[in-house]
Amino acid sequence: MHAIQVTETGGPGVLRHVDQPQPQPGHGELLIKAEAIGVNFIDTYFRSGQYPRELPFVIGSEVCGTVEAVGPGVTAADTAISVGDRVVSASANGAYAEFCTAPASLTAKV
């Protein structure tokens, strides 16, 4: 899948287009096919190194898209979210990509 990765800290020039495997949702997570992403100040802080993160990483925390898969521990009774639902999350992991994961508890249906 296509993604935007940070391999070193700095300005916008450090963003790199990469191909990498599609993530899999972990316990309590959803796999979301991104349709729109947000560019948030926190993303610029991570990219610049102002808020240090382990390198490399796929940047992005805000996503709107469609649920492709539900990880273990996520039940429709708990979240009312299931595969095929359109959702939004401001707590996604690696939203600057075709697919990302997000905690089901911090994701809402659109």
PDB file of N, CA and C in Angstrom:
ATOM      1  N   MET A   1       0.842  -1.176   0.000  1.00  0.00           N
ATOM      2  CA  MET A   1       0.000   0.000   0.000  1.00  0.00           C
ATOM      3  C   MET A   1       0.884   1.235   0.000  1.00  0.00           C
ATOM      4  N   HIS A   2       0.346   2.333  -0.475  1.00  0.00           N
ATOM      5  CA  HIS A   2       1.059   3.607  -0.489  1.00  0.00           C
ATOM      6  C   HIS A   2       0.923   4.286   0.868  1.00  0.00           C
ATOM      7  N   ALA A   3       2.016   4.911   1.312  1.00  0.00           N
ATOM      8  CA  ALA A   3       2.014   5.612   2.595  1.00  0.00           C
ATOM      9  C   ALA A   3       3.033   6.746   2.549  1.00  0.00           C
ATOM     10  N   ILE A   4       2.884   7.692   3.456  1.00  0.00           N
ATOM     11  CA  ILE A   4       3.850   8.780   3.621  1.00  0.00           C
ATOM     12  C   ILE A   4       4.574   8.540   4.938  1.00  0.00           C
ATOM     13  N   GLN A   5       5.880   8.369   4.833  1.00  0.00           N
ATOM     14  CA  GLN A   5       6.685   7.963   5.985  1.00  0.00           C
ATOM     15  C   GLN A   5       7.709   9.041   6.332  1.00  0.00           C
ATOM     16  N   VAL A   6       7.992   9.149   7.611  1.00  0.00           N
ATOM     17  CA  VAL A   6       9.051  10.024   8.113  1.00  0.00           C
ATOM     18  C   VAL A   6      10.216   9.124   8.505  1.00  0.00           C
ATOM     19  N   THR A   7      11.372   9.322   7.857  1.00  0.00           N
ATOM     20  CA  THR A   7      12.558   8.521   8.165  1.00  0.00           C
ATOM     21  C   THR A   7      13.618   9.320   8.911  1.00  0.00           C
ATOM     22  N   GLU A   8      13.454  10.646   8.907  1.00  0.00           N
ATOM     23  CA  GLU A   8      14.329  11.547   9.654  1.00  0.00           C
ATOM     24  C   GLU A   8      13.500  12.777  10.000  1.00  0.00           C
ATOM     25  N   THR A   9      13.867  13.486  11.028  1.00  0.00           N
ATOM     26  CA  THR A   9      13.094  14.657  11.417  1.00  0.00           C
ATOM     27  C   THR A   9      13.505  15.872  10.604  1.00  0.00           C
ATOM     28  N   GLY A  10      12.566  16.816  10.451  1.00  0.00           N
ATOM     29  CA  GLY A  10      12.844  18.032   9.711  1.00  0.00           C
ATOM     30  C   GLY A  10      11.581  18.638   9.147  1.00  0.00           C
ATOM     31  N   GLY A  11      11.758  19.436   8.094  1.00  0.00           N
ATOM     32  CA  GLY A  11      10.638  20.110   7.440  1.00  0.00           C
ATOM     33  C   GLY A  11       9.870  19.169   6.527  1.00  0.00           C
ATOM     34  N   PRO A  12       8.966  19.726   5.727  1.00  0.00           N
ATOM     35  CA  PRO A  12       8.148  18.899   4.844  1.00  0.00           C
ATOM     36  C   PRO A  12       8.958  18.040   3.875  1.00  0.00           C
ATOM     37  N   GLY A  13      10.172  18.424   3.583  1.00  0.00           N
ATOM     38  CA  GLY A  13      11.019  17.668   2.662  1.00  0.00           C
ATOM     39  C   GLY A  13      11.418  16.287   3.154  1.00  0.00           C
ATOM     40  N   VAL A  14      11.202  15.989   4.437  1.00  0.00           N
ATOM     41  CA  VAL A  14      11.568  14.658   4.955  1.00  0.00           C
ATOM     42  C   VAL A  14      10.463  13.632   4.739  1.00  0.00           C
ATOM     43  N   LEU A  15       9.296  14.070   4.259  1.00  0.00           N
ATOM     44  CA  LEU A  15       8.202  13.132   3.998  1.00  0.00           C
ATOM     45  C   LEU A  15       8.527  12.312   2.757  1.00  0.00           C
ATOM     46  N   ARG A  16       8.392  11.000   2.859  1.00  0.00           N
ATOM     47  CA  ARG A  16       8.744  10.091   1.763  1.00  0.00           C
ATOM     48  C   ARG A  16       7.559   9.211   1.397  1.00  0.00           C
ATOM     49  N   HIS A  17       7.328   9.084   0.089  1.00  0.00           N
ATOM     50  CA  HIS A  17       6.315   8.150  -0.399  1.00  0.00           C
ATOM     51  C   HIS A  17       6.943   6.759  -0.394  1.00  0.00           C
ATOM     52  N   VAL A  18       6.280   5.810   0.260  1.00  0.00           N
ATOM     53  CA  VAL A  18       6.797   4.442   0.346  1.00  0.00           C
ATOM     54  C   VAL A  18       5.673   3.456   0.054  1.00  0.00           C
ATOM     55  N   ASP A  19       6.064   2.258  -0.333  1.00  0.00           N
ATOM     56  CA  ASP A  19       5.145   1.124  -0.419  1.00  0.00           C
ATOM     57  C   ASP A  19       5.458   0.232   0.758  1.00  0.00           C
ATOM     58  N   GLN A  20       4.446  -0.165   1.491  1.00  0.00           N
ATOM     59  CA  GLN A  20       4.666  -1.029   2.645  1.00  0.00           C
ATOM     60  C   GLN A  20       3.453  -1.923   2.839  1.00  0.00           C
ATOM     61  N   PRO A  21       3.587  -2.964   3.639  1.00  0.00           N
ATOM     62  CA  PRO A  21       2.455  -3.868   3.867  1.00  0.00           C
ATOM     63  C   PRO A  21       1.292  -3.151   4.555  1.00  0.00           C
ATOM     64  N   GLN A  22       0.106  -3.599   4.245  1.00  0.00           N
ATOM     65  CA  GLN A  22      -1.099  -3.066   4.891  1.00  0.00           C
ATOM     66  C   GLN A  22      -1.086  -3.461   6.357  1.00  0.00           C
ATOM     67  N   PRO A  23      -1.401  -2.527   7.267  1.00  0.00           N
ATOM     68  CA  PRO A  23      -1.421  -2.879   8.692  1.00  0.00           C
ATOM     69  C   PRO A  23      -2.584  -3.815   9.008  1.00  0.00           C
ATOM     70  N   GLN A  24      -2.467  -4.503  10.113  1.00  0.00           N
ATOM     71  CA  GLN A  24      -3.532  -5.376  10.606  1.00  0.00           C
ATOM     72  C   GLN A  24      -4.034  -4.805  11.925  1.00  0.00           C
ATOM     73  N   PRO A  25      -5.340  -4.822  12.148  1.00  0.00           N
ATOM     74  CA  PRO A  25      -5.847  -4.272  13.404  1.00  0.00           C
ATOM     75  C   PRO A  25      -5.472  -5.153  14.584  1.00  0.00           C
ATOM     76  N   GLY A  26      -4.991  -4.528  15.646  1.00  0.00           N
ATOM     77  CA  GLY A  26      -4.675  -5.243  16.874  1.00  0.00           C
ATOM     78  C   GLY A  26      -5.900  -5.309  17.766  1.00  0.00           C
ATOM     79  N   HIS A  27      -5.691  -5.757  18.982  1.00  0.00           N
ATOM     80  CA  HIS A  27      -6.790  -5.881  19.943  1.00  0.00           C
ATOM     81  C   HIS A  27      -7.444  -4.515  20.164  1.00  0.00           C
ATOM     82  N   GLY A  28      -8.747  -4.451  19.981  1.00  0.00           N
ATOM     83  CA  GLY A  28      -9.483  -3.213  20.204  1.00  0.00           C
ATOM     84  C   GLY A  28      -9.396  -2.203  19.077  1.00  0.00           C
ATOM     85  N   GLU A  29      -8.830  -2.603  17.937  1.00  0.00           N
ATOM     86  CA  GLU A  29      -8.624  -1.667  16.832  1.00  0.00           C
ATOM     87  C   GLU A  29      -9.488  -1.996  15.620  1.00  0.00           C
ATOM     88  N   LEU A  30      -9.629  -0.984  14.764  1.00  0.00           N
ATOM     89  CA  LEU A  30     -10.292  -1.119  13.475  1.00  0.00           C
ATOM     90  C   LEU A  30      -9.274  -0.874  12.376  1.00  0.00           C
ATOM     91  N   LEU A  31      -9.422  -1.556  11.245  1.00  0.00           N
ATOM     92  CA  LEU A  31      -8.652  -1.240  10.044  1.00  0.00           C
ATOM     93  C   LEU A  31      -9.546  -0.357   9.186  1.00  0.00           C
ATOM     94  N   ILE A  32      -9.039   0.824   8.833  1.00  0.00           N
ATOM     95  CA  ILE A  32      -9.823   1.809   8.092  1.00  0.00           C
ATOM     96  C   ILE A  32      -9.173   2.079   6.742  1.00  0.00           C
ATOM     97  N   LYS A  33      -9.980   2.008   5.676  1.00  0.00           N
ATOM     98  CA  LYS A  33      -9.518   2.426   4.354  1.00  0.00           C
ATOM     99  C   LYS A  33      -9.738   3.931   4.284  1.00  0.00           C
ATOM    100  N   ALA A  34      -8.652   4.678   4.198  1.00  0.00           N
ATOM    101  CA  ALA A  34      -8.720   6.142   4.260  1.00  0.00           C
ATOM    102  C   ALA A  34      -9.356   6.725   3.005  1.00  0.00           C
ATOM    103  N   GLU A  35     -10.287   7.638   3.222  1.00  0.00           N
ATOM    104  CA  GLU A  35     -10.893   8.400   2.137  1.00  0.00           C
ATOM    105  C   GLU A  35     -10.505   9.868   2.239  1.00  0.00           C
ATOM    106  N   ALA A  36     -10.259  10.332   3.456  1.00  0.00           N
ATOM    107  CA  ALA A  36      -9.789  11.701   3.700  1.00  0.00           C
ATOM    108  C   ALA A  36      -8.965  11.682   4.981  1.00  0.00           C
ATOM    109  N   ILE A  37      -7.917  12.498   5.009  1.00  0.00           N
ATOM    110  CA  ILE A  37      -7.093  12.602   6.215  1.00  0.00           C
ATOM    111  C   ILE A  37      -6.979  14.063   6.605  1.00  0.00           C
ATOM    112  N   GLY A  38      -6.688  14.297   7.866  1.00  0.00           N
ATOM    113  CA  GLY A  38      -6.461  15.652   8.341  1.00  0.00           C
ATOM    114  C   GLY A  38      -4.980  15.890   8.548  1.00  0.00           C
ATOM    115  N   VAL A  39      -4.558  17.121   8.300  1.00  0.00           N
ATOM    116  CA  VAL A  39      -3.192  17.531   8.608  1.00  0.00           C
ATOM    117  C   VAL A  39      -3.296  18.371   9.874  1.00  0.00           C
ATOM    118  N   ASN A  40      -2.776  17.841  10.962  1.00  0.00           N
ATOM    119  CA  ASN A  40      -2.938  18.442  12.274  1.00  0.00           C
ATOM    120  C   ASN A  40      -1.593  18.998  12.744  1.00  0.00           C
ATOM    121  N   PHE A  41      -1.634  19.989  13.620  1.00  0.00           N
ATOM    122  CA  PHE A  41      -0.386  20.528  14.162  1.00  0.00           C
ATOM    123  C   PHE A  41       0.467  19.435  14.794  1.00  0.00           C
ATOM    124  N   ILE A  42      -0.160  18.463  15.457  1.00  0.00           N
ATOM    125  CA  ILE A  42       0.612  17.393  16.102  1.00  0.00           C
ATOM    126  C   ILE A  42       1.463  16.648  15.078  1.00  0.00           C
ATOM    127  N   ASP A  43       0.946  16.516  13.842  1.00  0.00           N
ATOM    128  CA  ASP A  43       1.713  15.845  12.794  1.00  0.00           C
ATOM    129  C   ASP A  43       2.989  16.619  12.469  1.00  0.00           C
ATOM    130  N   THR A  44       2.902  17.948  12.448  1.00  0.00           N
ATOM    131  CA  THR A  44       4.099  18.738  12.175  1.00  0.00           C
ATOM    132  C   THR A  44       5.093  18.645  13.329  1.00  0.00           C
ATOM    133  N   TYR A  45       4.589  18.521  14.550  1.00  0.00           N
ATOM    134  CA  TYR A  45       5.483  18.372  15.705  1.00  0.00           C
ATOM    135  C   TYR A  45       6.215  17.033  15.662  1.00  0.00           C
ATOM    136  N   PHE A  46       5.502  15.963  15.299  1.00  0.00           N
ATOM    137  CA  PHE A  46       6.155  14.653  15.168  1.00  0.00           C
ATOM    138  C   PHE A  46       7.189  14.692  14.044  1.00  0.00           C
ATOM    139  N   ARG A  47       6.797  15.269  12.885  1.00  0.00           N
ATOM    140  CA  ARG A  47       7.693  15.317  11.732  1.00  0.00           C
ATOM    141  C   ARG A  47       8.967  16.097  12.045  1.00  0.00           C
ATOM    142  N   SER A  48       8.825  17.222  12.745  1.00  0.00           N
ATOM    143  CA  SER A  48       9.977  18.083  13.025  1.00  0.00           C
ATOM    144  C   SER A  48      10.875  17.541  14.129  1.00  0.00           C
ATOM    145  N   GLY A  49      10.351  16.609  14.925  1.00  0.00           N
ATOM    146  CA  GLY A  49      11.109  16.091  16.058  1.00  0.00           C
ATOM    147  C   GLY A  49      10.815  16.827  17.349  1.00  0.00           C
ATOM    148  N   GLN A  50       9.946  17.848  17.286  1.00  0.00           N
ATOM    149  CA  GLN A  50       9.578  18.576  18.502  1.00  0.00           C
ATOM    150  C   GLN A  50       8.948  17.628  19.523  1.00  0.00           C
ATOM    151  N   TYR A  51       8.145  16.684  19.038  1.00  0.00           N
ATOM    152  CA  TYR A  51       7.629  15.585  19.860  1.00  0.00           C
ATOM    153  C   TYR A  51       8.294  14.322  19.327  1.00  0.00           C
ATOM    154  N   PRO A  52       9.357  13.848  19.963  1.00  0.00           N
ATOM    155  CA  PRO A  52      10.126  12.721  19.431  1.00  0.00           C
ATOM    156  C   PRO A  52       9.309  11.432  19.313  1.00  0.00           C
ATOM    157  N   ARG A  53       9.564  10.713  18.228  1.00  0.00           N
ATOM    158  CA  ARG A  53       8.986   9.391  17.995  1.00  0.00           C
ATOM    159  C   ARG A  53      10.080   8.499  17.446  1.00  0.00           C
ATOM    160  N   GLU A  54       9.887   7.203  17.595  1.00  0.00           N
ATOM    161  CA  GLU A  54      10.830   6.254  17.018  1.00  0.00           C
ATOM    162  C   GLU A  54      10.689   6.294  15.499  1.00  0.00           C
ATOM    163  N   LEU A  55      11.816   6.383  14.807  1.00  0.00           N
ATOM    164  CA  LEU A  55      11.842   6.427  13.345  1.00  0.00           C
ATOM    165  C   LEU A  55      12.080   5.032  12.781  1.00  0.00           C
ATOM    166  N   PRO A  56      11.598   4.749  11.596  1.00  0.00           N
ATOM    167  CA  PRO A  56      10.660   5.517  10.785  1.00  0.00           C
ATOM    168  C   PRO A  56       9.227   5.289  11.257  1.00  0.00           C
ATOM    169  N   PHE A  57       8.326   6.180  10.827  1.00  0.00           N
ATOM    170  CA  PHE A  57       6.906   6.003  11.136  1.00  0.00           C
ATOM    171  C   PHE A  57       6.060   6.629  10.033  1.00  0.00           C
ATOM    172  N   VAL A  58       4.867   6.086   9.854  1.00  0.00           N
ATOM    173  CA  VAL A  58       3.892   6.678   8.944  1.00  0.00           C
ATOM    174  C   VAL A  58       3.140   7.722   9.747  1.00  0.00           C
ATOM    175  N   ILE A  59       3.147   8.922   9.245  1.00  0.00           N
ATOM    176  CA  ILE A  59       2.575  10.063   9.942  1.00  0.00           C
ATOM    177  C   ILE A  59       1.049  10.086   9.804  1.00  0.00           C
ATOM    178  N   GLY A  60       0.395  10.825  10.671  1.00  0.00           N
ATOM    179  CA  GLY A  60      -1.036  11.066  10.542  1.00  0.00           C
ATOM    180  C   GLY A  60      -1.872  10.474  11.647  1.00  0.00           C
ATOM    181  N   SER A  61      -2.786  11.289  12.188  1.00  0.00           N
ATOM    182  CA  SER A  61      -3.647  10.813  13.271  1.00  0.00           C
ATOM    183  C   SER A  61      -5.131  11.024  13.002  1.00  0.00           C
ATOM    184  N   GLU A  62      -5.497  11.782  11.967  1.00  0.00           N
ATOM    185  CA  GLU A  62      -6.908  12.039  11.680  1.00  0.00           C
ATOM    186  C   GLU A  62      -7.304  11.376  10.368  1.00  0.00           C
ATOM    187  N   VAL A  63      -8.394  10.595  10.416  1.00  0.00           N
ATOM    188  CA  VAL A  63      -8.822   9.862   9.224  1.00  0.00           C
ATOM    189  C   VAL A  63     -10.338   9.776   9.163  1.00  0.00           C
ATOM    190  N   CYS A  64     -10.845   9.778   7.949  1.00  0.00           N
ATOM    191  CA  CYS A  64     -12.245   9.469   7.680  1.00  0.00           C
ATOM    192  C   CYS A  64     -12.227   8.419   6.579  1.00  0.00           C
ATOM    193  N   GLY A  65     -12.972   7.339   6.770  1.00  0.00           N
ATOM    194  CA  GLY A  65     -12.964   6.288   5.771  1.00  0.00           C
ATOM    195  C   GLY A  65     -13.946   5.185   6.101  1.00  0.00           C
ATOM    196  N   THR A  66     -13.679   4.015   5.525  1.00  0.00           N
ATOM    197  CA  THR A  66     -14.563   2.862   5.656  1.00  0.00           C
ATOM    198  C   THR A  66     -13.865   1.758   6.426  1.00  0.00           C
ATOM    199  N   VAL A  67     -14.578   1.148   7.356  1.00  0.00           N
ATOM    200  CA  VAL A  67     -14.019   0.041   8.138  1.00  0.00           C
ATOM    201  C   VAL A  67     -13.863  -1.176   7.224  1.00  0.00           C
ATOM    202  N   GLU A  68     -12.635  -1.676   7.134  1.00  0.00           N
ATOM    203  CA  GLU A  68     -12.323  -2.851   6.322  1.00  0.00           C
ATOM    204  C   GLU A  68     -12.242  -4.118   7.155  1.00  0.00           C
ATOM    205  N   ALA A  69     -11.825  -3.984   8.416  1.00  0.00           N
ATOM    206  CA  ALA A  69     -11.691  -5.149   9.302  1.00  0.00           C
ATOM    207  C   ALA A  69     -11.790  -4.689  10.744  1.00  0.00           C
ATOM    208  N   VAL A  70     -12.204  -5.609  11.582  1.00  0.00           N
ATOM    209  CA  VAL A  70     -12.358  -5.356  13.013  1.00  0.00           C
ATOM    210  C   VAL A  70     -11.411  -6.282  13.756  1.00  0.00           C
ATOM    211  N   GLY A  71     -10.597  -5.722  14.642  1.00  0.00           N
ATOM    212  CA  GLY A  71      -9.637  -6.516  15.395  1.00  0.00           C
ATOM    213  C   GLY A  71     -10.288  -7.289  16.525  1.00  0.00           C
ATOM    214  N   PRO A  72      -9.517  -8.203  17.112  1.00  0.00           N
ATOM    215  CA  PRO A  72     -10.035  -8.974  18.241  1.00  0.00           C
ATOM    216  C   PRO A  72     -10.418  -8.050  19.395  1.00  0.00           C
ATOM    217  N   GLY A  73     -11.452  -8.416  20.098  1.00  0.00           N
ATOM    218  CA  GLY A  73     -11.882  -7.637  21.249  1.00  0.00           C
ATOM    219  C   GLY A  73     -12.842  -6.509  20.924  1.00  0.00           C
ATOM    220  N   VAL A  74     -13.140  -6.308  19.638  1.00  0.00           N
ATOM    221  CA  VAL A  74     -14.096  -5.276  19.243  1.00  0.00           C
ATOM    222  C   VAL A  74     -15.410  -5.966  18.907  1.00  0.00           C
ATOM    223  N   THR A  75     -16.464  -5.581  19.592  1.00  0.00           N
ATOM    224  CA  THR A  75     -17.774  -6.160  19.304  1.00  0.00           C
ATOM    225  C   THR A  75     -18.749  -5.056  18.929  1.00  0.00           C
ATOM    226  N   ALA A  76     -19.679  -5.382  18.051  1.00  0.00           N
ATOM    227  CA  ALA A  76     -20.683  -4.409  17.627  1.00  0.00           C
ATOM    228  C   ALA A  76     -21.494  -3.917  18.820  1.00  0.00           C
ATOM    229  N   ALA A  77     -21.673  -4.775  19.809  1.00  0.00           N
ATOM    230  CA  ALA A  77     -22.426  -4.376  20.999  1.00  0.00           C
ATOM    231  C   ALA A  77     -21.708  -3.269  21.766  1.00  0.00           C
ATOM    232  N   ASP A  78     -20.374  -3.290  21.748  1.00  0.00           N
ATOM    233  CA  ASP A  78     -19.591  -2.279  22.470  1.00  0.00           C
ATOM    234  C   ASP A  78     -19.485  -0.965  21.707  1.00  0.00           C
ATOM    235  N   THR A  79     -19.309  -1.044  20.391  1.00  0.00           N
ATOM    236  CA  THR A  79     -18.996   0.150  19.613  1.00  0.00           C
ATOM    237  C   THR A  79     -20.056   0.538  18.598  1.00  0.00           C
ATOM    238  N   ALA A  80     -20.940  -0.383  18.243  1.00  0.00           N
ATOM    239  CA  ALA A  80     -21.935  -0.162  17.180  1.00  0.00           C
ATOM    240  C   ALA A  80     -21.255   0.127  15.847  1.00  0.00           C
ATOM    241  N   ILE A  81     -20.012  -0.320  15.685  1.00  0.00           N
ATOM    242  CA  ILE A  81     -19.263  -0.148  14.441  1.00  0.00           C
ATOM    243  C   ILE A  81     -18.959  -1.526  13.880  1.00  0.00           C
ATOM    244  N   SER A  82     -19.157  -1.679  12.564  1.00  0.00           N
ATOM    245  CA  SER A  82     -18.857  -2.958  11.928  1.00  0.00           C
ATOM    246  C   SER A  82     -18.263  -2.720  10.547  1.00  0.00           C
ATOM    247  N   VAL A  83     -17.788  -3.782   9.913  1.00  0.00           N
ATOM    248  CA  VAL A  83     -17.183  -3.701   8.584  1.00  0.00           C
ATOM    249  C   VAL A  83     -18.171  -3.036   7.626  1.00  0.00           C
ATOM    250  N   GLY A  84     -17.654  -2.098   6.836  1.00  0.00           N
ATOM    251  CA  GLY A  84     -18.461  -1.378   5.864  1.00  0.00           C
ATOM    252  C   GLY A  84     -18.964  -0.031   6.340  1.00  0.00           C
ATOM    253  N   ASP A  85     -18.888   0.226   7.640  1.00  0.00           N
ATOM    254  CA  ASP A  85     -19.336   1.511   8.178  1.00  0.00           C
ATOM    255  C   ASP A  85     -18.353   2.622   7.817  1.00  0.00           C
ATOM    256  N   ARG A  86     -18.877   3.822   7.557  1.00  0.00           N
ATOM    257  CA  ARG A  86     -18.036   5.001   7.374  1.00  0.00           C
ATOM    258  C   ARG A  86     -17.785   5.591   8.747  1.00  0.00           C
ATOM    259  N   VAL A  87     -16.518   5.886   9.030  1.00  0.00           N
ATOM    260  CA  VAL A  87     -16.125   6.327  10.366  1.00  0.00           C
ATOM    261  C   VAL A  87     -15.138   7.483  10.300  1.00  0.00           C
ATOM    262  N   VAL A  88     -14.916   8.096  11.467  1.00  0.00           N
ATOM    263  CA  VAL A  88     -13.920   9.143  11.626  1.00  0.00           C
ATOM    264  C   VAL A  88     -13.189   8.897  12.944  1.00  0.00           C
ATOM    265  N   SER A  89     -11.880   9.194  12.951  1.00  0.00           N
ATOM    266  CA  SER A  89     -11.093   9.078  14.176  1.00  0.00           C
ATOM    267  C   SER A  89     -10.004  10.137  14.175  1.00  0.00           C
ATOM    268  N   ALA A  90      -9.760  10.707  15.341  1.00  0.00           N
ATOM    269  CA  ALA A  90      -8.650  11.642  15.510  1.00  0.00           C
ATOM    270  C   ALA A  90      -7.514  10.970  16.268  1.00  0.00           C
ATOM    271  N   SER A  91      -7.570   9.650  16.382  1.00  0.00           N
ATOM    272  CA  SER A  91      -6.545   8.882  17.102  1.00  0.00           C
ATOM    273  C   SER A  91      -6.011   7.738  16.263  1.00  0.00           C
ATOM    274  N   ALA A  92      -5.979   7.933  14.956  1.00  0.00           N
ATOM    275  CA  ALA A  92      -5.500   6.885  14.055  1.00  0.00           C
ATOM    276  C   ALA A  92      -3.990   6.714  14.164  1.00  0.00           C
ATOM    277  N   ASN A  93      -3.527   5.550  13.756  1.00  0.00           N
ATOM    278  CA  ASN A  93      -2.096   5.244  13.698  1.00  0.00           C
ATOM    279  C   ASN A  93      -1.686   5.181  12.233  1.00  0.00           C
ATOM    280  N   GLY A  94      -0.939   6.190  11.749  1.00  0.00           N
ATOM    281  CA  GLY A  94      -0.454   6.172  10.378  1.00  0.00           C
ATOM    282  C   GLY A  94      -1.509   6.519   9.351  1.00  0.00           C
ATOM    283  N   ALA A  95      -2.227   7.613   9.553  1.00  0.00           N
ATOM    284  CA  ALA A  95      -3.340   7.972   8.672  1.00  0.00           C
ATOM    285  C   ALA A  95      -2.909   8.429   7.282  1.00  0.00           C
ATOM    286  N   TYR A  96      -1.644   8.808   7.090  1.00  0.00           N
ATOM    287  CA  TYR A  96      -1.197   9.236   5.765  1.00  0.00           C
ATOM    288  C   TYR A  96      -0.887   8.001   4.932  1.00  0.00           C
ATOM    289  N   ALA A  97      -1.889   7.175   4.731  1.00  0.00           N
ATOM    290  CA  ALA A  97      -1.717   5.926   3.998  1.00  0.00           C
ATOM    291  C   ALA A  97      -3.066   5.478   3.453  1.00  0.00           C
ATOM    292  N   GLU A  98      -3.028   4.486   2.582  1.00  0.00           N
ATOM    293  CA  GLU A  98      -4.279   3.956   2.049  1.00  0.00           C
ATOM    294  C   GLU A  98      -5.113   3.285   3.137  1.00  0.00           C
ATOM    295  N   PHE A  99      -4.437   2.651   4.092  1.00  0.00           N
ATOM    296  CA  PHE A  99      -5.098   1.980   5.208  1.00  0.00           C
ATOM    297  C   PHE A  99      -4.382   2.349   6.496  1.00  0.00           C
ATOM    298  N   CYS A 100      -5.142   2.467   7.581  1.00  0.00           N
ATOM    299  CA  CYS A 100      -4.547   2.722   8.888  1.00  0.00           C
ATOM    300  C   CYS A 100      -5.395   2.032   9.946  1.00  0.00           C
ATOM    301  N   THR A 101      -4.878   1.982  11.153  1.00  0.00           N
ATOM    302  CA  THR A 101      -5.636   1.423  12.268  1.00  0.00           C
ATOM    303  C   THR A 101      -5.998   2.542  13.235  1.00  0.00           C
ATOM    304  N   ALA A 102      -7.062   2.298  14.000  1.00  0.00           N
ATOM    305  CA  ALA A 102      -7.487   3.259  15.017  1.00  0.00           C
ATOM    306  C   ALA A 102      -8.199   2.504  16.128  1.00  0.00           C
ATOM    307  N   PRO A 103      -8.070   2.974  17.370  1.00  0.00           N
ATOM    308  CA  PRO A 103      -8.803   2.344  18.467  1.00  0.00           C
ATOM    309  C   PRO A 103     -10.315   2.457  18.225  1.00  0.00           C
ATOM    310  N   ALA A 104     -11.011   1.355  18.335  1.00  0.00           N
ATOM    311  CA  ALA A 104     -12.465   1.375  18.134  1.00  0.00           C
ATOM    312  C   ALA A 104     -13.140   2.309  19.127  1.00  0.00           C
ATOM    313  N   SER A 105     -12.605   2.378  20.331  1.00  0.00           N
ATOM    314  CA  SER A 105     -13.212   3.214  21.374  1.00  0.00           C
ATOM    315  C   SER A 105     -13.070   4.708  21.093  1.00  0.00           C
ATOM    316  N   LEU A 106     -12.176   5.075  20.168  1.00  0.00           N
ATOM    317  CA  LEU A 106     -11.950   6.479  19.827  1.00  0.00           C
ATOM    318  C   LEU A 106     -12.339   6.765  18.378  1.00  0.00           C
ATOM    319  N   THR A 107     -13.262   5.974  17.859  1.00  0.00           N
ATOM    320  CA  THR A 107     -13.731   6.090  16.481  1.00  0.00           C
ATOM    321  C   THR A 107     -15.250   6.228  16.500  1.00  0.00           C
ATOM    322  N   ALA A 108     -15.775   7.083  15.617  1.00  0.00           N
ATOM    323  CA  ALA A 108     -17.221   7.305  15.570  1.00  0.00           C
ATOM    324  C   ALA A 108     -17.753   7.086  14.158  1.00  0.00           C
ATOM    325  N   LYS A 109     -18.982   6.606  14.070  1.00  0.00           N
ATOM    326  CA  LYS A 109     -19.643   6.470  12.774  1.00  0.00           C
ATOM    327  C   LYS A 109     -19.977   7.854  12.234  1.00  0.00           C
ATOM    328  N   VAL A 110     -19.912   7.976  10.911  1.00  0.00           N
ATOM    329  CA  VAL A 110     -20.239   9.237  10.241  1.00  0.00           C
ATOM    330  C   VAL A 110     -21.632   9.112   9.648  1.00  0.00           C
TER     331      VAL A 110
END
